């Protein structure tokens, strides 16, 4: 089994959190004026959408490299639908534009990435989340 770990801690002087994995960082915050948020970073829903889309963008490259296909422009958009109290994600829609350098049909690359995408396949299947206080 493989594990991925990230850490988050408050940003002094704000109510935002700095998240990191290795040498990569990002800021998580609420919109300015909401629950102490200052709009310094992404909210949780945006981070989830970025995880879905970012993973898929990477998977397009993984698949293309494995198949020896050179990709040109790629663009991925993700829209999350939220509903209920508490607010939860009820669905996600992803749009993908992918162009090959040689002009061949990119659909086989997109379909293979769809089959291999860690994040979207995990979300589709669901997984338990445990929350422990230390």
C-alpha atoms as a PDB file:
ATOM      1  CA  UNK A   1       0.000   0.000   0.000  1.00  0.00           C
ATOM      2  CA  UNK A   2       1.114   3.551  -0.766  1.00  0.00           C
ATOM      3  CA  UNK A   3       0.352   6.527   1.486  1.00  0.00           C
ATOM      4  CA  UNK A   4       0.312  10.257   0.846  1.00  0.00           C
ATOM      5  CA  UNK A   5       0.508  12.658   3.781  1.00  0.00           C
ATOM      6  CA  UNK A   6       0.079  16.421   3.993  1.00  0.00           C
ATOM      7  CA  UNK A   7       0.190  18.786   6.960  1.00  0.00           C
ATOM      8  CA  UNK A   8      -1.577  22.064   7.694  1.00  0.00           C
ATOM      9  CA  UNK A   9      -0.986  24.701  10.354  1.00  0.00           C
ATOM     10  CA  UNK A  10      -2.350  28.153  11.029  1.00  0.00           C
ATOM     11  CA  UNK A  11      -0.710  31.154   9.381  1.00  0.00           C
ATOM     12  CA  UNK A  12       0.271  33.548  12.228  1.00  0.00           C
ATOM     13  CA  UNK A  13      -1.726  36.775  12.186  1.00  0.00           C
ATOM     14  CA  UNK A  14      -4.525  35.219  10.124  1.00  0.00           C
ATOM     15  CA  UNK A  15      -7.154  32.527  10.464  1.00  0.00           C
ATOM     16  CA  UNK A  16      -5.911  30.823   7.289  1.00  0.00           C
ATOM     17  CA  UNK A  17      -3.985  27.556   7.151  1.00  0.00           C
ATOM     18  CA  UNK A  18      -0.791  26.784   5.287  1.00  0.00           C
ATOM     19  CA  UNK A  19      -0.721  23.283   3.861  1.00  0.00           C
ATOM     20  CA  UNK A  20       2.413  21.504   2.697  1.00  0.00           C
ATOM     21  CA  UNK A  21       3.658  18.268   1.238  1.00  0.00           C
ATOM     22  CA  UNK A  22       7.416  18.132   0.833  1.00  0.00           C
ATOM     23  CA  UNK A  23       8.503  21.469  -0.620  1.00  0.00           C
ATOM     24  CA  UNK A  24       5.063  22.353  -2.048  1.00  0.00           C
ATOM     25  CA  UNK A  25       2.699  24.698  -0.222  1.00  0.00           C
ATOM     26  CA  UNK A  26      -0.726  26.275  -0.561  1.00  0.00           C
ATOM     27  CA  UNK A  27      -3.012  28.412   1.568  1.00  0.00           C
ATOM     28  CA  UNK A  28      -6.501  27.353   2.638  1.00  0.00           C
ATOM     29  CA  UNK A  29      -8.883  30.073   3.794  1.00  0.00           C
ATOM     30  CA  UNK A  30     -12.471  31.167   3.692  1.00  0.00           C
ATOM     31  CA  UNK A  31     -13.719  34.048   1.536  1.00  0.00           C
ATOM     32  CA  UNK A  32     -13.027  37.502   2.965  1.00  0.00           C
ATOM     33  CA  UNK A  33     -15.532  38.327   5.680  1.00  0.00           C
ATOM     34  CA  UNK A  34     -16.768  34.743   6.173  1.00  0.00           C
ATOM     35  CA  UNK A  35     -15.983  33.178   9.560  1.00  0.00           C
ATOM     36  CA  UNK A  36     -12.766  35.173   9.934  1.00  0.00           C
ATOM     37  CA  UNK A  37     -11.604  34.417   6.412  1.00  0.00           C
ATOM     38  CA  UNK A  38      -9.420  36.872   4.577  1.00  0.00           C
ATOM     39  CA  UNK A  39      -9.624  35.316   1.116  1.00  0.00           C
ATOM     40  CA  UNK A  40      -5.927  34.416   1.261  1.00  0.00           C
ATOM     41  CA  UNK A  41      -6.301  31.024  -0.371  1.00  0.00           C
ATOM     42  CA  UNK A  42      -8.569  28.294  -1.655  1.00  0.00           C
ATOM     43  CA  UNK A  43     -11.575  27.060   0.288  1.00  0.00           C
ATOM     44  CA  UNK A  44     -12.137  23.337   0.812  1.00  0.00           C
ATOM     45  CA  UNK A  45     -14.542  22.929  -2.098  1.00  0.00           C
ATOM     46  CA  UNK A  46     -12.106  24.633  -4.451  1.00  0.00           C
ATOM     47  CA  UNK A  47      -9.323  22.361  -3.188  1.00  0.00           C
ATOM     48  CA  UNK A  48     -11.490  19.299  -3.853  1.00  0.00           C
ATOM     49  CA  UNK A  49     -12.258  20.513  -7.387  1.00  0.00           C
ATOM     50  CA  UNK A  50      -8.560  21.246  -7.950  1.00  0.00           C
ATOM     51  CA  UNK A  51      -7.663  17.760  -6.694  1.00  0.00           C
ATOM     52  CA  UNK A  52     -10.104  16.155  -9.132  1.00  0.00           C
ATOM     53  CA  UNK A  53      -8.996  18.275 -12.085  1.00  0.00           C
ATOM     54  CA  UNK A  54      -5.303  18.388 -11.228  1.00  0.00           C
ATOM     55  CA  UNK A  55      -5.111  14.622 -10.870  1.00  0.00           C
ATOM     56  CA  UNK A  56      -6.855  14.179 -14.215  1.00  0.00           C
ATOM     57  CA  UNK A  57      -4.530  16.668 -15.947  1.00  0.00           C
ATOM     58  CA  UNK A  58      -1.559  14.700 -14.604  1.00  0.00           C
ATOM     59  CA  UNK A  59      -3.157  11.398 -15.632  1.00  0.00           C
ATOM     60  CA  UNK A  60      -3.526  12.658 -19.202  1.00  0.00           C
ATOM     61  CA  UNK A  61       0.240  13.196 -19.258  1.00  0.00           C
ATOM     62  CA  UNK A  62       0.993   9.818 -17.622  1.00  0.00           C
ATOM     63  CA  UNK A  63      -1.159   7.968 -20.159  1.00  0.00           C
ATOM     64  CA  UNK A  64       0.204   9.925 -23.125  1.00  0.00           C
ATOM     65  CA  UNK A  65       3.805   9.235 -22.079  1.00  0.00           C
ATOM     66  CA  UNK A  66       3.060   5.521 -21.630  1.00  0.00           C
ATOM     67  CA  UNK A  67       1.492   5.371 -25.107  1.00  0.00           C
ATOM     68  CA  UNK A  68       4.254   7.460 -26.721  1.00  0.00           C
ATOM     69  CA  UNK A  69       1.786  10.204 -27.658  1.00  0.00           C
ATOM     70  CA  UNK A  70       2.882  13.838 -27.485  1.00  0.00           C
ATOM     71  CA  UNK A  71       0.204  16.143 -26.117  1.00  0.00           C
ATOM     72  CA  UNK A  72      -0.175  19.800 -26.917  1.00  0.00           C
ATOM     73  CA  UNK A  73      -2.804  21.900 -25.215  1.00  0.00           C
ATOM     74  CA  UNK A  74      -4.840  20.422 -22.394  1.00  0.00           C
ATOM     75  CA  UNK A  75      -7.529  22.175 -20.390  1.00  0.00           C
ATOM     76  CA  UNK A  76      -9.572  20.716 -17.548  1.00  0.00           C
ATOM     77  CA  UNK A  77     -12.530  22.393 -15.855  1.00  0.00           C
ATOM     78  CA  UNK A  78     -14.317  21.042 -12.785  1.00  0.00           C
ATOM     79  CA  UNK A  79     -17.653  22.179 -11.385  1.00  0.00           C
ATOM     80  CA  UNK A  80     -18.874  20.859  -8.051  1.00  0.00           C
ATOM     81  CA  UNK A  81     -22.572  20.847  -7.149  1.00  0.00           C
ATOM     82  CA  UNK A  82     -23.281  21.339  -3.436  1.00  0.00           C
ATOM     83  CA  UNK A  83     -26.503  20.987  -1.479  1.00  0.00           C
ATOM     84  CA  UNK A  84     -27.904  20.276   1.956  1.00  0.00           C
ATOM     85  CA  UNK A  85     -27.204  21.178   5.554  1.00  0.00           C
ATOM     86  CA  UNK A  86     -24.397  20.620   6.229  1.00  0.00           C
ATOM     87  CA  UNK A  87     -23.403  21.545   2.696  1.00  0.00           C
ATOM     88  CA  UNK A  88     -21.970  18.533   0.851  1.00  0.00           C
ATOM     89  CA  UNK A  89     -20.851  17.836  -2.691  1.00  0.00           C
ATOM     90  CA  UNK A  90     -23.624  16.047  -4.550  1.00  0.00           C
ATOM     91  CA  UNK A  91     -21.865  15.782  -7.896  1.00  0.00           C
ATOM     92  CA  UNK A  92     -18.906  16.868  -9.975  1.00  0.00           C
ATOM     93  CA  UNK A  93     -18.684  17.618 -13.682  1.00  0.00           C
ATOM     94  CA  UNK A  94     -15.373  17.721 -15.527  1.00  0.00           C
ATOM     95  CA  UNK A  95     -14.759  19.075 -19.011  1.00  0.00           C
ATOM     96  CA  UNK A  96     -11.584  18.053 -20.808  1.00  0.00           C
ATOM     97  CA  UNK A  97      -9.915  19.476 -23.881  1.00  0.00           C
ATOM     98  CA  UNK A  98      -6.875  17.560 -25.047  1.00  0.00           C
ATOM     99  CA  UNK A  99      -4.941  17.991 -28.254  1.00  0.00           C
ATOM    100  CA  UNK A 100      -2.270  15.704 -29.642  1.00  0.00           C
ATOM    101  CA  UNK A 101       0.745  17.178 -31.408  1.00  0.00           C
ATOM    102  CA  UNK A 102       0.240  14.928 -34.444  1.00  0.00           C
ATOM    103  CA  UNK A 103      -3.488  15.713 -34.691  1.00  0.00           C
ATOM    104  CA  UNK A 104      -4.607  12.174 -33.866  1.00  0.00           C
ATOM    105  CA  UNK A 105      -7.811  11.540 -31.923  1.00  0.00           C
ATOM    106  CA  UNK A 106      -7.156  12.274 -28.212  1.00  0.00           C
ATOM    107  CA  UNK A 107     -10.185  10.286 -27.000  1.00  0.00           C
ATOM    108  CA  UNK A 108      -8.213   7.086 -26.269  1.00  0.00           C
ATOM    109  CA  UNK A 109      -5.877   9.103 -24.021  1.00  0.00           C
ATOM    110  CA  UNK A 110      -8.835  10.741 -22.262  1.00  0.00           C
ATOM    111  CA  UNK A 111     -10.606   7.398 -21.755  1.00  0.00           C
ATOM    112  CA  UNK A 112      -7.452   5.744 -20.386  1.00  0.00           C
ATOM    113  CA  UNK A 113      -6.904   8.669 -18.007  1.00  0.00           C
ATOM    114  CA  UNK A 114     -10.534   8.373 -16.910  1.00  0.00           C
ATOM    115  CA  UNK A 115      -9.980   4.698 -16.083  1.00  0.00           C
ATOM    116  CA  UNK A 116      -6.734   5.416 -14.178  1.00  0.00           C
ATOM    117  CA  UNK A 117      -7.523   8.665 -12.330  1.00  0.00           C
ATOM    118  CA  UNK A 118      -6.752   8.154  -8.644  1.00  0.00           C
ATOM    119  CA  UNK A 119      -8.751  11.072  -7.265  1.00  0.00           C
ATOM    120  CA  UNK A 120     -11.906  10.883  -9.399  1.00  0.00           C
ATOM    121  CA  UNK A 121     -12.094   7.094  -9.078  1.00  0.00           C
ATOM    122  CA  UNK A 122     -11.621   7.395  -5.304  1.00  0.00           C
ATOM    123  CA  UNK A 123     -14.377   9.992  -5.023  1.00  0.00           C
ATOM    124  CA  UNK A 124     -16.711   7.948  -7.232  1.00  0.00           C
ATOM    125  CA  UNK A 125     -16.215   4.837  -5.095  1.00  0.00           C
ATOM    126  CA  UNK A 126     -16.148   6.686  -1.781  1.00  0.00           C
ATOM    127  CA  UNK A 127     -13.801   6.026   1.102  1.00  0.00           C
ATOM    128  CA  UNK A 128     -13.976   6.371   4.874  1.00  0.00           C
ATOM    129  CA  UNK A 129     -12.555   9.462   6.555  1.00  0.00           C
ATOM    130  CA  UNK A 130     -11.555   9.162  10.197  1.00  0.00           C
ATOM    131  CA  UNK A 131     -11.053  12.232  12.375  1.00  0.00           C
ATOM    132  CA  UNK A 132      -8.985  11.791  15.536  1.00  0.00           C
ATOM    133  CA  UNK A 133      -8.142  14.386  18.141  1.00  0.00           C
ATOM    134  CA  UNK A 134      -4.525  14.456  19.376  1.00  0.00           C
END
